[in-house]
Amino acid sequence: MSVLPGRIRKARNLARLSQAELARRVGVKRSAVTQWEHPTGTTPSVEHLIQIAMLTGARFEWLATGRGSSQLQEDEANAAVIVDDYARDEHESLALGQLRQLSPSKRRLALDILRLMTR
């Protein structure tokens, strides 16, 4: 399947997700999924494409380009990337870099301080 809308639909169907359920899990309206699956519709952002791949078990490369196999192999699924675990801006990147330099006990203390600050 060489067209992105068809690959999105195929991945969703193989995962047995409705458009509404995929939309809910991705955090968009159902009409967005309808647009993504329509031949002349809109294209999802890379972030949404990553989420679709993760939610459906499809390989990101296949979903984005049509190359390779469509489904993750069991060993690949265990190595999945969690999008929210990466810094979203310069401040988060700096904080993460500093946190990684701390000893385990200081890291736990820093996380406790952050939890208190976000209450």
C-alpha atoms as a PDB file:
ATOM      1  CA  MET A   1       0.000   0.000   0.000  1.00  0.00           C
ATOM      2  CA  SER A   2       1.793   3.097  -1.215  1.00  0.00           C
ATOM      3  CA  VAL A   3      -0.487   5.978  -0.164  1.00  0.00           C
ATOM      4  CA  LEU A   4      -0.371   7.376   3.376  1.00  0.00           C
ATOM      5  CA  PRO A   5      -4.168   7.559   3.910  1.00  0.00           C
ATOM      6  CA  GLY A   6      -4.486   3.872   3.023  1.00  0.00           C
ATOM      7  CA  ARG A   7      -1.642   2.891   5.337  1.00  0.00           C
ATOM      8  CA  ILE A   8      -3.209   4.797   8.232  1.00  0.00           C
ATOM      9  CA  ARG A   9      -6.554   3.080   7.603  1.00  0.00           C
ATOM     10  CA  LYS A  10      -4.892  -0.341   7.300  1.00  0.00           C
ATOM     11  CA  ALA A  11      -2.950   0.146  10.550  1.00  0.00           C
ATOM     12  CA  ARG A  12      -6.090   1.295  12.362  1.00  0.00           C
ATOM     13  CA  ASN A  13      -8.141  -1.633  11.048  1.00  0.00           C
ATOM     14  CA  LEU A  14      -5.448  -4.204  11.925  1.00  0.00           C
ATOM     15  CA  ALA A  15      -5.405  -2.780  15.463  1.00  0.00           C
ATOM     16  CA  ARG A  16      -9.227  -3.061  15.488  1.00  0.00           C
ATOM     17  CA  LEU A  17      -9.674   0.598  16.364  1.00  0.00           C
ATOM     18  CA  SER A  18     -12.527   2.763  15.182  1.00  0.00           C
ATOM     19  CA  GLN A  19     -11.775   6.226  13.874  1.00  0.00           C
ATOM     20  CA  ALA A  20     -13.355   7.635  17.040  1.00  0.00           C
ATOM     21  CA  GLU A  21     -11.199   5.472  19.321  1.00  0.00           C
ATOM     22  CA  LEU A  22      -7.981   6.278  17.474  1.00  0.00           C
ATOM     23  CA  ALA A  23      -8.884   9.967  17.604  1.00  0.00           C
ATOM     24  CA  ARG A  24      -9.542   9.781  21.352  1.00  0.00           C
ATOM     25  CA  ARG A  25      -6.216   8.037  22.023  1.00  0.00           C
ATOM     26  CA  VAL A  26      -4.244  10.455  19.823  1.00  0.00           C
ATOM     27  CA  GLY A  27      -6.045  13.465  21.312  1.00  0.00           C
ATOM     28  CA  VAL A  28      -7.741  14.778  18.175  1.00  0.00           C
ATOM     29  CA  LYS A  29     -11.299  14.891  16.853  1.00  0.00           C
ATOM     30  CA  ARG A  30     -12.653  12.000  14.806  1.00  0.00           C
ATOM     31  CA  SER A  31     -12.844  14.323  11.809  1.00  0.00           C
ATOM     32  CA  ALA A  32      -9.039  14.616  11.902  1.00  0.00           C
ATOM     33  CA  VAL A  33      -8.692  10.839  11.518  1.00  0.00           C
ATOM     34  CA  THR A  34     -11.265  10.933   8.715  1.00  0.00           C
ATOM     35  CA  GLN A  35      -9.155  13.599   6.975  1.00  0.00           C
ATOM     36  CA  TRP A  36      -5.951  11.571   7.442  1.00  0.00           C
ATOM     37  CA  GLU A  37      -7.594   8.526   5.854  1.00  0.00           C
ATOM     38  CA  HIS A  38      -9.124  10.413   2.919  1.00  0.00           C
ATOM     39  CA  PRO A  39      -7.053  10.438  -0.314  1.00  0.00           C
ATOM     40  CA  THR A  40      -7.323  14.234  -0.628  1.00  0.00           C
ATOM     41  CA  GLY A  41      -7.399  14.932   3.111  1.00  0.00           C
ATOM     42  CA  THR A  42      -4.865  16.466   5.425  1.00  0.00           C
ATOM     43  CA  THR A  43      -1.625  14.825   6.502  1.00  0.00           C
ATOM     44  CA  PRO A  44      -1.017  14.127  10.203  1.00  0.00           C
ATOM     45  CA  SER A  45       1.920  15.780  11.928  1.00  0.00           C
ATOM     46  CA  VAL A  46       4.994  13.643  12.588  1.00  0.00           C
ATOM     47  CA  GLU A  47       4.050  13.559  16.279  1.00  0.00           C
ATOM     48  CA  HIS A  48       0.587  12.234  15.414  1.00  0.00           C
ATOM     49  CA  LEU A  49       2.088   9.728  12.989  1.00  0.00           C
ATOM     50  CA  ILE A  50       4.363   8.457  15.776  1.00  0.00           C
ATOM     51  CA  GLN A  51       1.358   8.114  18.071  1.00  0.00           C
ATOM     52  CA  ILE A  52      -0.602   6.249  15.378  1.00  0.00           C
ATOM     53  CA  ALA A  53       2.307   3.849  14.892  1.00  0.00           C
ATOM     54  CA  MET A  54       2.621   3.252  18.627  1.00  0.00           C
ATOM     55  CA  LEU A  55      -1.129   2.766  19.144  1.00  0.00           C
ATOM     56  CA  THR A  56      -1.579   0.417  16.194  1.00  0.00           C
ATOM     57  CA  GLY A  57       1.669  -1.571  16.432  1.00  0.00           C
ATOM     58  CA  ALA A  58       2.650  -0.455  12.931  1.00  0.00           C
ATOM     59  CA  ARG A  59       6.265   0.250  12.069  1.00  0.00           C
ATOM     60  CA  PHE A  60       6.778   4.010  11.796  1.00  0.00           C
ATOM     61  CA  GLU A  61       8.894   3.727   8.632  1.00  0.00           C
ATOM     62  CA  TRP A  62       6.175   1.748   6.862  1.00  0.00           C
ATOM     63  CA  LEU A  63       3.449   4.084   8.053  1.00  0.00           C
ATOM     64  CA  ALA A  64       5.345   7.204   6.960  1.00  0.00           C
ATOM     65  CA  THR A  65       6.890   5.942   3.714  1.00  0.00           C
ATOM     66  CA  GLY A  66       5.423   2.555   2.784  1.00  0.00           C
ATOM     67  CA  ARG A  67       8.859   0.904   3.017  1.00  0.00           C
ATOM     68  CA  GLY A  68       9.491  -2.298   4.942  1.00  0.00           C
ATOM     69  CA  SER A  69       7.044  -4.512   6.784  1.00  0.00           C
ATOM     70  CA  SER A  70       3.901  -2.991   8.207  1.00  0.00           C
ATOM     71  CA  GLN A  71       3.892  -4.529  11.679  1.00  0.00           C
ATOM     72  CA  LEU A  72       6.436  -4.424  14.462  1.00  0.00           C
ATOM     73  CA  GLN A  73       8.127  -7.679  15.310  1.00  0.00           C
ATOM     74  CA  GLU A  74       7.966  -8.772  18.953  1.00  0.00           C
ATOM     75  CA  ASP A  75      11.551  -7.688  19.724  1.00  0.00           C
ATOM     76  CA  GLU A  76      10.950  -4.273  18.100  1.00  0.00           C
ATOM     77  CA  ALA A  77       7.830  -3.640  20.185  1.00  0.00           C
ATOM     78  CA  ASN A  78       9.852  -3.863  23.390  1.00  0.00           C
ATOM     79  CA  ALA A  79      12.209  -1.154  22.145  1.00  0.00           C
ATOM     80  CA  ALA A  80       9.438   1.339  21.383  1.00  0.00           C
ATOM     81  CA  VAL A  81      10.140   4.999  22.036  1.00  0.00           C
ATOM     82  CA  ILE A  82       7.907   6.943  24.378  1.00  0.00           C
ATOM     83  CA  VAL A  83       7.499  10.339  22.769  1.00  0.00           C
ATOM     84  CA  ASP A  84       6.839  12.150  26.055  1.00  0.00           C
ATOM     85  CA  ASP A  85      10.207  10.982  27.462  1.00  0.00           C
ATOM     86  CA  TYR A  86      12.122  13.465  25.312  1.00  0.00           C
ATOM     87  CA  ALA A  87      12.746  17.127  26.063  1.00  0.00           C
ATOM     88  CA  ARG A  88      10.286  19.420  24.311  1.00  0.00           C
ATOM     89  CA  ASP A  89      12.325  22.607  24.509  1.00  0.00           C
ATOM     90  CA  GLU A  90      15.711  24.004  25.533  1.00  0.00           C
ATOM     91  CA  HIS A  91      14.801  24.345  29.231  1.00  0.00           C
ATOM     92  CA  GLU A  92      13.652  20.736  29.513  1.00  0.00           C
ATOM     93  CA  SER A  93      16.785  19.611  27.687  1.00  0.00           C
ATOM     94  CA  LEU A  94      19.025  21.513  30.103  1.00  0.00           C
ATOM     95  CA  ALA A  95      17.124  20.174  33.116  1.00  0.00           C
ATOM     96  CA  LEU A  96      17.349  16.617  31.805  1.00  0.00           C
ATOM     97  CA  GLY A  97      21.086  16.996  31.213  1.00  0.00           C
ATOM     98  CA  GLN A  98      21.613  18.225  34.762  1.00  0.00           C
ATOM     99  CA  LEU A  99      19.410  15.461  36.208  1.00  0.00           C
ATOM    100  CA  ARG A 100      21.450  12.811  34.401  1.00  0.00           C
ATOM    101  CA  GLN A 101      24.627  14.077  36.064  1.00  0.00           C
ATOM    102  CA  LEU A 102      23.269  13.519  39.576  1.00  0.00           C
ATOM    103  CA  SER A 103      23.865  10.450  41.707  1.00  0.00           C
ATOM    104  CA  PRO A 104      20.796   8.218  42.171  1.00  0.00           C
ATOM    105  CA  SER A 105      20.084   9.594  45.659  1.00  0.00           C
ATOM    106  CA  LYS A 106      20.379  13.229  44.519  1.00  0.00           C
ATOM    107  CA  ARG A 107      18.242  12.428  41.478  1.00  0.00           C
ATOM    108  CA  ARG A 108      15.456  11.119  43.756  1.00  0.00           C
ATOM    109  CA  LEU A 109      15.747  14.258  45.892  1.00  0.00           C
ATOM    110  CA  ALA A 110      15.546  16.507  42.805  1.00  0.00           C
ATOM    111  CA  LEU A 111      12.441  14.644  41.618  1.00  0.00           C
ATOM    112  CA  ASP A 112      10.849  15.054  45.069  1.00  0.00           C
ATOM    113  CA  ILE A 113      11.517  18.805  44.875  1.00  0.00           C
ATOM    114  CA  LEU A 114       9.966  18.981  41.391  1.00  0.00           C
ATOM    115  CA  ARG A 115       6.891  17.093  42.625  1.00  0.00           C
ATOM    116  CA  LEU A 116       6.467  19.552  45.484  1.00  0.00           C
ATOM    117  CA  MET A 117       6.830  22.515  43.129  1.00  0.00           C
ATOM    118  CA  THR A 118       4.127  21.226  40.793  1.00  0.00           C
ATOM    119  CA  ARG A 119       1.471  20.794  43.470  1.00  0.00           C
END
